[in-house]
Amino acid sequence: MLRAHPSLLRELVERCETLRRRLASGGRAETRRQLEDATYTLCVVTGTRQLDTALYVARQQLADAMTCEQPLRH
């Protein structure tokens, strides 16, 4: 199964969380549209359909990527 690069996942997770906070504190229609776009992208790359599920899967994939990283050999 293909997986998104960890840097892309990290960027999308941070973007969704930031936009969610902005929207919760009285964000405008533009913020809502940006969150919808970011949510769609995150759902596509994680193979999910809802933001909370996509965030969970993305965090799991990031954790897996951190565990699988091999140290550099000298």
N, C-alpha and C. Protein backbone atom coordinates (compact mmCIF):
# COMPACT_ATOMS: atom_id res chain seq x y z
N MET A 1 0.83 -1.18 0.00
CA MET A 1 0.00 0.00 0.00
C MET A 1 0.88 1.25 0.00
N LEU A 2 0.53 2.21 -0.82
CA LEU A 2 1.27 3.46 -0.86
C LEU A 2 0.92 4.33 0.34
N ARG A 3 1.90 5.04 0.82
CA ARG A 3 1.68 5.96 1.94
C ARG A 3 2.28 7.30 1.59
N ALA A 4 1.66 8.33 2.13
CA ALA A 4 2.17 9.69 1.92
C ALA A 4 3.48 9.86 2.68
N HIS A 5 4.32 10.71 2.18
CA HIS A 5 5.59 11.00 2.85
C HIS A 5 5.29 11.65 4.20
N PRO A 6 6.05 11.29 5.24
CA PRO A 6 5.80 11.85 6.57
C PRO A 6 5.77 13.38 6.61
N SER A 7 6.59 14.03 5.81
CA SER A 7 6.58 15.50 5.84
C SER A 7 5.26 16.05 5.32
N LEU A 8 4.67 15.40 4.32
CA LEU A 8 3.36 15.82 3.81
C LEU A 8 2.29 15.58 4.86
N LEU A 9 2.33 14.42 5.50
CA LEU A 9 1.36 14.12 6.55
C LEU A 9 1.45 15.13 7.67
N ARG A 10 2.66 15.42 8.10
CA ARG A 10 2.87 16.37 9.20
C ARG A 10 2.30 17.75 8.82
N GLU A 11 2.58 18.18 7.60
CA GLU A 11 2.10 19.48 7.14
C GLU A 11 0.57 19.52 7.10
N LEU A 12 -0.05 18.46 6.60
CA LEU A 12 -1.51 18.43 6.52
C LEU A 12 -2.16 18.37 7.90
N VAL A 13 -1.59 17.60 8.81
CA VAL A 13 -2.12 17.51 10.17
C VAL A 13 -2.05 18.88 10.83
N GLU A 14 -0.91 19.53 10.74
CA GLU A 14 -0.75 20.86 11.34
C GLU A 14 -1.71 21.86 10.72
N ARG A 15 -1.87 21.81 9.40
CA ARG A 15 -2.77 22.74 8.71
C ARG A 15 -4.21 22.53 9.16
N CYS A 16 -4.65 21.28 9.20
CA CYS A 16 -6.03 21.01 9.63
C CYS A 16 -6.26 21.46 11.07
N GLU A 17 -5.32 21.18 11.95
CA GLU A 17 -5.48 21.57 13.35
C GLU A 17 -5.53 23.09 13.49
N THR A 18 -4.65 23.79 12.78
CA THR A 18 -4.63 25.25 12.83
C THR A 18 -5.94 25.83 12.31
N LEU A 19 -6.39 25.34 11.18
CA LEU A 19 -7.64 25.85 10.60
C LEU A 19 -8.84 25.53 11.48
N ARG A 20 -8.84 24.38 12.10
CA ARG A 20 -9.92 24.03 13.04
C ARG A 20 -9.99 25.02 14.20
N ARG A 21 -8.81 25.34 14.74
CA ARG A 21 -8.77 26.31 15.86
C ARG A 21 -9.27 27.67 15.40
N ARG A 22 -8.83 28.11 14.22
CA ARG A 22 -9.27 29.41 13.70
C ARG A 22 -10.78 29.43 13.51
N LEU A 23 -11.31 28.36 12.98
CA LEU A 23 -12.75 28.28 12.74
C LEU A 23 -13.53 28.30 14.06
N ALA A 24 -13.01 27.60 15.06
CA ALA A 24 -13.66 27.54 16.36
C ALA A 24 -13.67 28.91 17.06
N SER A 25 -12.68 29.73 16.74
CA SER A 25 -12.61 31.05 17.38
C SER A 25 -13.17 32.14 16.46
N GLY A 26 -14.17 31.76 15.66
CA GLY A 26 -14.86 32.74 14.85
C GLY A 26 -14.30 32.95 13.47
N GLY A 27 -13.77 31.90 12.88
CA GLY A 27 -13.20 32.00 11.54
C GLY A 27 -14.24 32.37 10.49
N ARG A 28 -13.77 32.86 9.38
CA ARG A 28 -14.63 33.31 8.29
C ARG A 28 -14.93 32.16 7.32
N ALA A 29 -15.71 32.48 6.31
CA ALA A 29 -16.06 31.50 5.28
C ALA A 29 -14.80 31.00 4.57
N GLU A 30 -13.83 31.88 4.38
CA GLU A 30 -12.56 31.50 3.72
C GLU A 30 -11.83 30.43 4.55
N THR A 31 -11.85 30.58 5.87
CA THR A 31 -11.22 29.60 6.75
C THR A 31 -11.92 28.26 6.62
N ARG A 32 -13.24 28.29 6.56
CA ARG A 32 -14.02 27.06 6.41
C ARG A 32 -13.66 26.36 5.09
N ARG A 33 -13.55 27.13 4.01
CA ARG A 33 -13.20 26.56 2.71
C ARG A 33 -11.80 25.96 2.74
N GLN A 34 -10.86 26.67 3.37
CA GLN A 34 -9.49 26.15 3.48
C GLN A 34 -9.47 24.85 4.28
N LEU A 35 -10.25 24.79 5.35
CA LEU A 35 -10.31 23.56 6.15
C LEU A 35 -10.92 22.43 5.34
N GLU A 36 -11.95 22.71 4.58
CA GLU A 36 -12.56 21.68 3.74
C GLU A 36 -11.55 21.15 2.72
N ASP A 37 -10.77 22.04 2.12
CA ASP A 37 -9.75 21.62 1.15
C ASP A 37 -8.68 20.76 1.81
N ALA A 38 -8.19 21.22 2.97
CA ALA A 38 -7.14 20.48 3.68
C ALA A 38 -7.68 19.13 4.17
N THR A 39 -8.93 19.11 4.63
CA THR A 39 -9.56 17.87 5.08
C THR A 39 -9.67 16.89 3.93
N TYR A 40 -10.12 17.36 2.78
CA TYR A 40 -10.24 16.50 1.60
C TYR A 40 -8.90 15.86 1.27
N THR A 41 -7.85 16.68 1.23
CA THR A 41 -6.52 16.18 0.87
C THR A 41 -6.04 15.16 1.89
N LEU A 42 -6.19 15.46 3.18
CA LEU A 42 -5.76 14.53 4.22
C LEU A 42 -6.55 13.22 4.14
N CYS A 43 -7.84 13.32 3.88
CA CYS A 43 -8.65 12.10 3.74
C CYS A 43 -8.19 11.26 2.55
N VAL A 44 -7.87 11.92 1.45
CA VAL A 44 -7.41 11.18 0.27
C VAL A 44 -6.11 10.45 0.56
N VAL A 45 -5.14 11.14 1.16
CA VAL A 45 -3.84 10.50 1.37
C VAL A 45 -3.86 9.45 2.48
N THR A 46 -4.88 9.48 3.35
CA THR A 46 -4.97 8.47 4.41
C THR A 46 -6.02 7.40 4.10
N GLY A 47 -6.77 7.58 3.00
CA GLY A 47 -7.79 6.60 2.64
C GLY A 47 -8.98 6.59 3.58
N THR A 48 -9.33 7.77 4.11
CA THR A 48 -10.45 7.87 5.04
C THR A 48 -11.49 8.85 4.49
N ARG A 49 -12.56 9.07 5.29
CA ARG A 49 -13.64 9.95 4.82
C ARG A 49 -13.99 11.05 5.80
N GLN A 50 -13.47 11.01 7.01
CA GLN A 50 -13.80 12.02 8.02
C GLN A 50 -12.52 12.57 8.61
N LEU A 51 -12.56 13.85 8.99
CA LEU A 51 -11.36 14.51 9.48
C LEU A 51 -10.78 13.84 10.71
N ASP A 52 -11.61 13.53 11.70
CA ASP A 52 -11.08 12.91 12.92
C ASP A 52 -10.39 11.58 12.62
N THR A 53 -10.98 10.79 11.75
CA THR A 53 -10.38 9.52 11.37
C THR A 53 -9.08 9.75 10.60
N ALA A 54 -9.10 10.72 9.70
CA ALA A 54 -7.90 11.03 8.91
C ALA A 54 -6.76 11.49 9.81
N LEU A 55 -7.07 12.31 10.80
CA LEU A 55 -6.04 12.78 11.74
C LEU A 55 -5.47 11.59 12.53
N TYR A 56 -6.33 10.71 12.97
CA TYR A 56 -5.89 9.54 13.72
C TYR A 56 -4.95 8.67 12.87
N VAL A 57 -5.38 8.37 11.64
CA VAL A 57 -4.58 7.53 10.75
C VAL A 57 -3.26 8.21 10.42
N ALA A 58 -3.30 9.50 10.16
CA ALA A 58 -2.06 10.23 9.84
C ALA A 58 -1.09 10.19 11.01
N ARG A 59 -1.60 10.37 12.20
CA ARG A 59 -0.72 10.32 13.40
C ARG A 59 -0.13 8.93 13.58
N GLN A 60 -0.94 7.90 13.31
CA GLN A 60 -0.43 6.53 13.40
C GLN A 60 0.67 6.29 12.37
N GLN A 61 0.45 6.78 11.15
CA GLN A 61 1.45 6.61 10.10
C GLN A 61 2.73 7.37 10.43
N LEU A 62 2.59 8.55 11.03
CA LEU A 62 3.77 9.31 11.44
C LEU A 62 4.53 8.57 12.53
N ALA A 63 3.81 8.02 13.49
CA ALA A 63 4.45 7.25 14.56
C ALA A 63 5.16 6.03 13.99
N ASP A 64 4.51 5.35 13.05
CA ASP A 64 5.14 4.18 12.40
C ASP A 64 6.40 4.58 11.65
N ALA A 65 6.34 5.72 10.98
CA ALA A 65 7.50 6.19 10.22
C ALA A 65 8.67 6.49 11.15
N MET A 66 8.37 7.03 12.31
CA MET A 66 9.43 7.34 13.28
C MET A 66 10.06 6.06 13.81
N THR A 67 9.26 5.01 14.01
CA THR A 67 9.79 3.76 14.53
C THR A 67 10.60 3.01 13.49
N CYS A 68 10.22 3.17 12.23
CA CYS A 68 10.87 2.43 11.17
C CYS A 68 12.15 3.09 10.66
N GLU A 69 12.37 4.33 11.04
CA GLU A 69 13.56 5.02 10.54
C GLU A 69 14.81 4.32 11.05
N GLN A 70 15.71 4.09 10.16
CA GLN A 70 16.96 3.42 10.51
C GLN A 70 18.03 4.49 10.78
N PRO A 71 18.84 4.30 11.78
CA PRO A 71 19.91 5.27 12.02
C PRO A 71 20.93 5.21 10.87
N LEU A 72 21.56 6.33 10.63
CA LEU A 72 22.60 6.38 9.60
C LEU A 72 23.81 5.56 10.05
N ARG A 73 24.40 4.87 9.12
CA ARG A 73 25.60 4.07 9.44
C ARG A 73 26.82 4.86 9.05
N HIS A 74 27.82 4.78 9.84
CA HIS A 74 29.08 5.49 9.57
C HIS A 74 30.14 4.53 9.09
